[in-house]
Amino acid sequence: MEESELGSWGSGKSASKLQKKKVFGCRITYDSRKEKPSVSFPYFSNFCDLASESDILVVCCALTAETHHIISKDVMKALGKK
């Protein structure tokens, strides 16, 4: 898994803890409602773009109307494209 791209979606406590660690030697990128100045990892404002740059995608969020079906067919097709 070393040198893999890990995309993290969400900005709550779980996502923040994940983003603070260099998980399995992966390069970490993230998407959230808005860019966080305190997070040093590359930010993506579009979930499909994040997926296309990720080998591994971690979703850290509550299930709400906004997040229901966030993992769509388009996201699955985009995942790990590079």
Protein backbone atom coordinates (compact mmCIF):
# COMPACT_ATOMS: atom_id res chain seq x y z
CA MET A 1 0.00 0.00 0.00
CA GLU A 2 3.00 2.27 0.34
CA GLU A 3 2.97 5.08 -2.21
CA SER A 4 -0.76 4.57 -2.84
CA GLU A 5 -3.09 7.56 -3.07
CA LEU A 6 -5.61 7.72 -0.23
CA GLY A 7 -8.58 10.05 -0.71
CA SER A 8 -10.47 11.12 2.40
CA TRP A 9 -13.95 12.59 2.19
CA GLY A 10 -15.33 14.37 5.23
CA SER A 11 -14.12 16.82 7.81
CA GLY A 12 -15.29 15.46 11.14
CA LYS A 13 -13.23 13.96 13.95
CA SER A 14 -12.59 10.64 12.18
CA ALA A 15 -11.44 12.30 8.98
CA SER A 16 -9.25 14.73 10.91
CA LYS A 17 -7.55 11.88 12.78
CA LEU A 18 -6.98 10.00 9.54
CA GLN A 19 -5.57 13.09 7.85
CA LYS A 20 -3.12 13.69 10.72
CA LYS A 21 -1.45 10.32 10.14
CA LYS A 22 0.59 9.10 7.23
CA VAL A 23 -1.61 6.02 6.79
CA PHE A 24 0.38 3.01 5.51
CA GLY A 25 2.81 5.38 3.80
CA CYS A 26 0.04 6.65 1.51
CA ARG A 27 -0.15 10.12 0.00
CA ILE A 28 -3.33 11.67 1.41
CA THR A 29 -5.73 14.02 -0.37
CA TYR A 30 -9.13 15.20 0.81
CA ASP A 31 -12.50 16.64 -0.11
CA SER A 32 -14.77 18.46 2.29
CA ARG A 33 -17.51 21.06 2.13
CA LYS A 34 -14.79 23.69 2.06
CA GLU A 35 -11.02 23.77 2.06
CA LYS A 36 -9.50 23.69 5.55
CA PRO A 37 -6.53 26.07 5.99
CA SER A 38 -5.26 23.88 8.84
CA VAL A 39 -5.00 20.78 6.61
CA SER A 40 -1.77 20.55 4.65
CA PHE A 41 -2.91 17.81 2.23
CA PRO A 42 -4.05 18.58 -1.32
CA TYR A 43 -7.74 19.56 -1.48
CA PHE A 44 -10.29 18.53 -4.10
CA SER A 45 -13.58 20.39 -4.32
CA ASN A 46 -15.18 17.63 -6.41
CA PHE A 47 -15.73 14.09 -5.08
CA CYS A 48 -15.28 12.42 -8.49
CA ASP A 49 -11.98 14.27 -8.99
CA LEU A 50 -10.83 13.04 -5.57
CA ALA A 51 -11.81 9.48 -6.50
CA SER A 52 -9.98 9.65 -9.83
CA GLU A 53 -6.74 10.54 -8.00
CA SER A 54 -7.23 7.87 -5.30
CA ASP A 55 -6.33 4.20 -5.10
CA ILE A 56 -8.15 4.00 -1.77
CA LEU A 57 -11.18 6.10 -0.85
CA VAL A 58 -12.25 6.60 2.77
CA VAL A 59 -15.62 8.19 3.51
CA CYS A 60 -15.93 9.62 7.03
CA CYS A 61 -19.36 11.17 7.41
CA ALA A 62 -22.79 10.77 8.91
CA LEU A 63 -25.51 9.32 6.73
CA THR A 64 -27.73 12.26 5.80
CA ALA A 65 -29.86 13.24 2.82
CA GLU A 66 -26.79 15.05 1.46
CA THR A 67 -24.46 12.05 1.81
CA HIS A 68 -26.91 9.27 0.88
CA HIS A 69 -25.58 7.57 -2.27
CA ILE A 70 -22.41 9.70 -2.24
CA ILE A 71 -20.65 6.65 -3.68
CA SER A 72 -22.34 6.78 -7.06
CA LYS A 73 -21.64 4.88 -10.27
CA ASP A 74 -19.63 7.89 -11.48
CA VAL A 75 -17.45 7.82 -8.35
CA MET A 76 -16.83 4.08 -8.75
CA LYS A 77 -15.89 4.53 -12.41
CA ALA A 78 -13.52 7.38 -11.50
CA LEU A 79 -11.82 5.56 -8.60
CA GLY A 80 -8.16 4.85 -9.24
CA LYS A 81 -8.16 6.00 -12.87
CA LYS A 82 -4.58 7.17 -12.91
